[in-house]
Every structure is written in structure tokens, then in C-alpha cells.
């Protein structure tokens, strides 16, 4: 009768590779929303076709254009993959813009699709 012995070195190597692959996968997926949030913010605040603010000045005609857009069109124009909410108030607490996925409603925010 022949006994089959498993080498711990081979098993450990496989487990380490699986652990590293899992960690890398989770880490990259966890970073994607942050990167997308930065991209959306840059597109809104920089000089892009969808921008309504530049140099701390709001372009009211562009803002009205975005307010009148539905969420799906706004999301497509930003080329966003994830859901988001853009919620802007003035210094007096008046809502200037509230546009985004209703998934983010709560804590006084009202994002509408």
C-alpha cells in the first residue's frame, strides 16, 4: 500500500497565491468608487461640456440645463458607471442642485432620479 503525501510547501504556495489574488481583486474594486467620485467632481468643476462651475463661479444657464436633465442622461453625459448624488447648497442652506440616484436619499439629502 502506497501512501500519498502532500507537500505542505505546495499547498501553502497555492493558498498564498489565492490570498493575494483575492486581496488584489477586493482592493481594486474598493478603490473604483473613489476614483469615479473624483472624475465626476472634476468634470463638473473643470472646463468640460457638462461643467456648470468654473473658478468658483456657477454658470446659471448650464446649471438649469443640468437641473432639467433626468438622472440617466446626466449619468451618461458624465460617463459614470456607478450611481452618485450631486447635492449643492448655498451659504444660506438653499438647495442649488440635487441630482442623483434615490439610493442616496437620507440624512437630509434628497437626490432624485
N, C-alpha and C. Protein backbone atom coordinates (compact mmCIF):
# COMPACT_ATOMS: atom_id res chain seq x y z
N UNK A 1 0.84 -1.16 0.00
CA UNK A 1 0.00 0.00 0.00
C UNK A 1 0.90 1.24 0.00
N UNK A 2 0.64 2.12 -0.98
CA UNK A 2 1.43 3.32 -1.11
C UNK A 2 0.66 4.49 -0.51
N UNK A 3 1.34 5.23 0.33
CA UNK A 3 0.72 6.41 0.93
C UNK A 3 1.05 7.63 0.08
N UNK A 4 0.05 8.44 -0.13
CA UNK A 4 0.28 9.68 -0.86
C UNK A 4 0.48 10.78 0.17
N UNK A 5 1.59 11.47 0.04
CA UNK A 5 1.88 12.57 0.96
C UNK A 5 1.77 13.88 0.20
N UNK A 6 1.09 14.79 0.82
CA UNK A 6 1.00 16.13 0.24
C UNK A 6 2.12 16.96 0.84
N UNK A 7 2.70 17.71 0.01
CA UNK A 7 3.75 18.60 0.50
C UNK A 7 3.11 19.90 0.96
N UNK A 8 3.43 20.26 2.14
CA UNK A 8 2.88 21.50 2.70
C UNK A 8 3.36 22.70 1.90
N UNK A 9 4.54 22.65 1.37
CA UNK A 9 5.06 23.77 0.60
C UNK A 9 4.17 24.08 -0.61
N UNK A 10 3.72 23.07 -1.31
CA UNK A 10 2.88 23.28 -2.49
C UNK A 10 1.50 23.81 -2.10
N UNK A 11 0.94 23.28 -1.04
CA UNK A 11 -0.36 23.75 -0.58
C UNK A 11 -0.26 25.20 -0.10
N UNK A 12 0.78 25.50 0.64
CA UNK A 12 0.96 26.87 1.12
C UNK A 12 1.13 27.85 -0.04
N UNK A 13 1.87 27.42 -1.05
CA UNK A 13 2.08 28.27 -2.22
C UNK A 13 0.74 28.58 -2.91
N UNK A 14 -0.08 27.55 -3.08
CA UNK A 14 -1.40 27.74 -3.70
C UNK A 14 -2.26 28.67 -2.85
N UNK A 15 -2.27 28.47 -1.54
CA UNK A 15 -3.07 29.32 -0.65
C UNK A 15 -2.58 30.77 -0.66
N UNK A 16 -1.29 30.97 -0.72
CA UNK A 16 -0.75 32.33 -0.76
C UNK A 16 -1.16 33.02 -2.06
N UNK A 17 -1.07 32.31 -3.17
CA UNK A 17 -1.46 32.89 -4.46
C UNK A 17 -2.95 33.23 -4.46
N UNK A 18 -3.78 32.33 -3.93
CA UNK A 18 -5.22 32.60 -3.86
C UNK A 18 -5.49 33.81 -2.97
N UNK A 19 -4.82 33.90 -1.85
CA UNK A 19 -5.00 35.04 -0.94
C UNK A 19 -4.60 36.35 -1.61
N UNK A 20 -3.47 36.35 -2.27
CA UNK A 20 -3.00 37.58 -2.94
C UNK A 20 -3.97 37.98 -4.06
N UNK A 21 -4.43 37.02 -4.85
CA UNK A 21 -5.37 37.33 -5.93
C UNK A 21 -6.68 37.88 -5.37
N UNK A 22 -7.16 37.31 -4.29
CA UNK A 22 -8.39 37.79 -3.66
C UNK A 22 -8.19 39.20 -3.11
N UNK A 23 -7.08 39.43 -2.44
CA UNK A 23 -6.79 40.75 -1.87
C UNK A 23 -6.70 41.81 -2.96
N UNK A 24 -6.00 41.52 -4.05
CA UNK A 24 -5.86 42.48 -5.15
C UNK A 24 -7.22 42.77 -5.76
N UNK A 25 -8.05 41.76 -5.94
CA UNK A 25 -9.38 41.94 -6.51
C UNK A 25 -10.25 42.83 -5.62
N UNK A 26 -10.25 42.57 -4.33
CA UNK A 26 -11.04 43.37 -3.39
C UNK A 26 -10.50 44.80 -3.33
N UNK A 27 -9.19 44.96 -3.29
CA UNK A 27 -8.58 46.28 -3.19
C UNK A 27 -8.90 47.14 -4.41
N UNK A 28 -8.82 46.58 -5.61
CA UNK A 28 -9.11 47.37 -6.80
C UNK A 28 -10.58 47.71 -6.90
N UNK A 29 -11.47 46.81 -6.50
CA UNK A 29 -12.90 47.11 -6.54
C UNK A 29 -13.26 48.16 -5.50
N UNK A 30 -12.60 48.15 -4.36
CA UNK A 30 -12.88 49.13 -3.31
C UNK A 30 -12.43 50.52 -3.72
N UNK A 31 -11.42 50.64 -4.56
CA UNK A 31 -10.93 51.95 -4.97
C UNK A 31 -11.72 52.57 -6.11
N UNK A 32 -12.44 51.78 -6.88
CA UNK A 32 -13.15 52.29 -8.05
C UNK A 32 -14.13 53.41 -7.73
N UNK A 33 -15.01 53.30 -6.72
CA UNK A 33 -15.94 54.40 -6.46
C UNK A 33 -15.25 55.71 -6.13
N UNK A 34 -14.13 55.65 -5.37
CA UNK A 34 -13.41 56.86 -5.04
C UNK A 34 -12.88 57.52 -6.30
N UNK A 35 -12.33 56.73 -7.20
CA UNK A 35 -11.80 57.28 -8.43
C UNK A 35 -12.91 57.86 -9.28
N UNK A 36 -14.07 57.22 -9.27
CA UNK A 36 -15.18 57.73 -10.05
C UNK A 36 -15.71 59.03 -9.46
N UNK A 37 -15.75 59.13 -8.14
CA UNK A 37 -16.19 60.36 -7.50
C UNK A 37 -15.27 61.52 -7.87
N UNK A 38 -13.98 61.26 -7.90
CA UNK A 38 -13.03 62.30 -8.30
C UNK A 38 -13.25 62.71 -9.75
N UNK A 39 -13.52 61.74 -10.61
CA UNK A 39 -13.74 62.02 -12.04
C UNK A 39 -14.99 62.87 -12.23
N UNK A 40 -16.08 62.52 -11.53
CA UNK A 40 -17.33 63.27 -11.64
C UNK A 40 -17.14 64.70 -11.15
N UNK A 41 -16.47 64.84 -10.01
CA UNK A 41 -16.23 66.17 -9.45
C UNK A 41 -15.41 67.01 -10.42
N UNK A 42 -14.36 66.43 -10.99
CA UNK A 42 -13.52 67.16 -11.94
C UNK A 42 -14.32 67.58 -13.16
N UNK A 43 -15.20 66.71 -13.65
CA UNK A 43 -15.98 67.05 -14.84
C UNK A 43 -16.98 68.17 -14.56
N UNK A 44 -17.52 68.20 -13.35
CA UNK A 44 -18.48 69.24 -13.00
C UNK A 44 -17.80 70.58 -12.77
N UNK A 45 -16.62 70.55 -12.16
CA UNK A 45 -15.97 71.78 -11.75
C UNK A 45 -14.93 72.31 -12.73
N UNK A 46 -14.47 71.49 -13.65
CA UNK A 46 -13.47 71.93 -14.61
C UNK A 46 -14.12 72.33 -15.91
N UNK A 47 -13.33 72.65 -16.87
CA UNK A 47 -13.83 73.12 -18.16
C UNK A 47 -14.18 71.94 -19.07
N UNK A 48 -15.38 71.37 -18.86
CA UNK A 48 -15.90 70.29 -19.70
C UNK A 48 -17.26 70.72 -20.24
N UNK A 49 -17.78 69.98 -21.18
CA UNK A 49 -19.08 70.34 -21.75
C UNK A 49 -20.21 70.25 -20.73
N UNK A 50 -20.06 69.44 -19.69
CA UNK A 50 -21.10 69.27 -18.69
C UNK A 50 -20.86 70.15 -17.45
N UNK A 51 -19.76 70.89 -17.42
CA UNK A 51 -19.42 71.73 -16.26
C UNK A 51 -20.42 72.85 -16.07
N UNK A 52 -20.78 73.09 -14.83
CA UNK A 52 -21.63 74.24 -14.52
C UNK A 52 -20.95 75.17 -13.53
N UNK A 53 -19.75 74.83 -13.10
CA UNK A 53 -18.99 75.68 -12.19
C UNK A 53 -17.55 75.72 -12.65
N UNK A 54 -16.99 76.91 -12.67
CA UNK A 54 -15.60 77.07 -13.07
C UNK A 54 -15.05 78.27 -12.31
N UNK A 55 -13.94 78.06 -11.60
CA UNK A 55 -13.34 79.15 -10.85
C UNK A 55 -14.25 79.68 -9.76
N UNK A 56 -14.98 78.82 -9.09
CA UNK A 56 -15.91 79.17 -8.00
C UNK A 56 -17.08 80.03 -8.46
N UNK A 57 -17.35 80.04 -9.76
CA UNK A 57 -18.48 80.77 -10.31
C UNK A 57 -19.41 79.78 -10.99
N UNK A 58 -20.70 79.85 -10.66
CA UNK A 58 -21.67 78.93 -11.25
C UNK A 58 -22.29 79.56 -12.48
N UNK A 59 -22.27 78.82 -13.58
CA UNK A 59 -22.92 79.24 -14.82
C UNK A 59 -24.39 78.84 -14.71
N UNK A 60 -25.26 79.83 -14.52
CA UNK A 60 -26.67 79.54 -14.25
C UNK A 60 -27.37 78.85 -15.42
N UNK A 61 -27.00 79.16 -16.65
CA UNK A 61 -27.65 78.50 -17.79
C UNK A 61 -27.27 77.02 -17.84
N UNK A 62 -26.00 76.71 -17.57
CA UNK A 62 -25.57 75.31 -17.54
C UNK A 62 -26.22 74.58 -16.37
N UNK A 63 -26.32 75.26 -15.23
CA UNK A 63 -26.96 74.67 -14.05
C UNK A 63 -28.41 74.33 -14.35
N UNK A 64 -29.13 75.23 -15.00
CA UNK A 64 -30.53 74.97 -15.36
C UNK A 64 -30.64 73.82 -16.35
N UNK A 65 -29.68 73.73 -17.26
CA UNK A 65 -29.66 72.63 -18.23
C UNK A 65 -29.53 71.29 -17.49
N UNK A 66 -28.65 71.25 -16.50
CA UNK A 66 -28.46 70.02 -15.73
C UNK A 66 -29.66 69.74 -14.85
N UNK A 67 -30.25 70.78 -14.26
CA UNK A 67 -31.45 70.59 -13.43
C UNK A 67 -32.58 69.98 -14.25
N UNK A 68 -32.69 70.37 -15.52
CA UNK A 68 -33.77 69.88 -16.37
C UNK A 68 -33.48 68.50 -16.97
N UNK A 69 -32.24 68.05 -16.88
CA UNK A 69 -31.87 66.71 -17.37
C UNK A 69 -32.39 65.66 -16.40
N UNK A 70 -32.77 64.51 -16.93
CA UNK A 70 -33.09 63.44 -15.98
C UNK A 70 -31.76 62.78 -15.56
N UNK A 71 -31.82 62.05 -14.47
CA UNK A 71 -30.61 61.46 -13.87
C UNK A 71 -29.87 60.56 -14.86
N UNK A 72 -30.59 59.76 -15.61
CA UNK A 72 -29.95 58.84 -16.57
C UNK A 72 -29.14 59.58 -17.62
N UNK A 73 -29.71 60.66 -18.16
CA UNK A 73 -28.98 61.45 -19.15
C UNK A 73 -27.75 62.12 -18.53
N UNK A 74 -27.91 62.63 -17.31
CA UNK A 74 -26.80 63.27 -16.60
C UNK A 74 -25.69 62.25 -16.34
N UNK A 75 -26.07 61.07 -15.90
CA UNK A 75 -25.10 60.00 -15.63
C UNK A 75 -24.37 59.61 -16.92
N UNK A 76 -25.10 59.49 -18.02
CA UNK A 76 -24.48 59.16 -19.30
C UNK A 76 -23.54 60.26 -19.78
N UNK A 77 -23.92 61.50 -19.60
CA UNK A 77 -23.07 62.60 -20.05
C UNK A 77 -21.77 62.67 -19.25
N UNK A 78 -21.80 62.20 -18.00
CA UNK A 78 -20.59 62.14 -17.19
C UNK A 78 -19.81 60.85 -17.41
N UNK A 79 -20.40 59.93 -18.19
CA UNK A 79 -19.80 58.61 -18.42
C UNK A 79 -19.53 57.89 -17.11
N UNK A 80 -20.46 58.04 -16.17
CA UNK A 80 -20.32 57.42 -14.85
C UNK A 80 -20.81 55.98 -14.89
N UNK A 81 -20.12 55.11 -14.20
CA UNK A 81 -20.52 53.71 -14.12
C UNK A 81 -21.33 53.45 -12.86
N UNK A 82 -20.99 54.12 -11.79
CA UNK A 82 -21.65 53.92 -10.50
C UNK A 82 -22.71 54.98 -10.28
N UNK A 83 -23.66 54.69 -9.39
CA UNK A 83 -24.65 55.69 -9.01
C UNK A 83 -23.98 56.77 -8.18
N UNK A 84 -24.55 57.96 -8.21
CA UNK A 84 -23.97 59.08 -7.48
C UNK A 84 -25.06 60.07 -7.13
N UNK A 85 -24.70 61.06 -6.33
CA UNK A 85 -25.59 62.15 -5.98
C UNK A 85 -24.78 63.44 -5.96
N UNK A 86 -25.26 64.45 -6.65
CA UNK A 86 -24.67 65.78 -6.58
C UNK A 86 -25.66 66.64 -5.81
N UNK A 87 -25.24 67.12 -4.66
CA UNK A 87 -26.11 67.90 -3.78
C UNK A 87 -25.35 69.15 -3.39
N UNK A 88 -25.86 70.31 -3.80
CA UNK A 88 -25.16 71.57 -3.55
C UNK A 88 -26.13 72.55 -2.89
N UNK A 89 -25.68 73.16 -1.80
CA UNK A 89 -26.45 74.20 -1.10
C UNK A 89 -25.66 75.49 -1.15
N UNK A 90 -26.38 76.62 -1.09
CA UNK A 90 -25.69 77.90 -0.97
C UNK A 90 -25.39 78.17 0.51
N UNK A 91 -24.81 79.31 0.80
CA UNK A 91 -24.43 79.66 2.17
C UNK A 91 -25.60 79.78 3.12
N UNK A 92 -26.80 79.99 2.59
CA UNK A 92 -28.00 80.13 3.43
C UNK A 92 -28.74 78.81 3.61
N UNK A 93 -28.23 77.74 3.04
CA UNK A 93 -28.88 76.44 3.16
C UNK A 93 -29.90 76.14 2.09
N UNK A 94 -30.02 77.00 1.09
CA UNK A 94 -30.93 76.76 -0.03
C UNK A 94 -30.30 75.76 -0.99
N UNK A 95 -31.08 74.79 -1.43
CA UNK A 95 -30.57 73.78 -2.34
C UNK A 95 -30.43 74.38 -3.73
N UNK A 96 -29.21 74.32 -4.25
CA UNK A 96 -28.94 74.81 -5.60
C UNK A 96 -29.14 73.69 -6.61
N UNK A 97 -28.64 72.49 -6.27
CA UNK A 97 -28.77 71.34 -7.15
C UNK A 97 -28.85 70.07 -6.32
N UNK A 98 -29.81 69.24 -6.66
CA UNK A 98 -29.95 67.93 -6.05
C UNK A 98 -30.29 66.96 -7.17
N UNK A 99 -29.28 66.24 -7.63
CA UNK A 99 -29.47 65.33 -8.76
C UNK A 99 -28.68 64.07 -8.48
N UNK A 100 -29.34 62.94 -8.59
CA UNK A 100 -28.63 61.69 -8.40
C UNK A 100 -29.59 60.54 -8.16
N UNK A 101 -29.00 59.43 -7.81
CA UNK A 101 -29.77 58.23 -7.55
C UNK A 101 -30.52 58.35 -6.23
N UNK A 102 -31.76 57.91 -6.22
CA UNK A 102 -32.57 57.96 -5.00
C UNK A 102 -32.03 57.01 -3.93
N UNK A 103 -31.09 56.14 -4.29
CA UNK A 103 -30.46 55.26 -3.30
C UNK A 103 -29.76 56.04 -2.21
N UNK A 104 -29.39 57.29 -2.49
CA UNK A 104 -28.64 58.09 -1.55
C UNK A 104 -29.51 59.02 -0.72
N UNK A 105 -30.83 58.90 -0.81
CA UNK A 105 -31.71 59.74 -0.01
C UNK A 105 -31.53 59.41 1.47
N UNK A 106 -31.56 60.42 2.27
CA UNK A 106 -31.43 60.24 3.71
C UNK A 106 -30.52 61.30 4.30
N UNK A 107 -30.52 61.40 5.62
CA UNK A 107 -29.72 62.39 6.34
C UNK A 107 -29.93 63.80 5.80
N UNK A 108 -31.17 64.13 5.44
CA UNK A 108 -31.48 65.46 4.98
C UNK A 108 -31.21 65.67 3.49
N UNK A 109 -30.59 64.72 2.83
CA UNK A 109 -30.33 64.83 1.39
C UNK A 109 -31.51 64.28 0.63
N UNK A 110 -31.79 64.88 -0.50
CA UNK A 110 -32.87 64.39 -1.34
C UNK A 110 -32.36 64.33 -2.78
N UNK A 111 -31.81 63.20 -3.15
CA UNK A 111 -31.37 63.01 -4.53
C UNK A 111 -32.52 62.38 -5.30
N UNK A 112 -32.78 62.93 -6.46
CA UNK A 112 -33.88 62.42 -7.29
C UNK A 112 -33.34 61.89 -8.59
N UNK A 113 -33.94 60.81 -9.03
CA UNK A 113 -33.57 60.25 -10.34
C UNK A 113 -34.40 60.91 -11.41
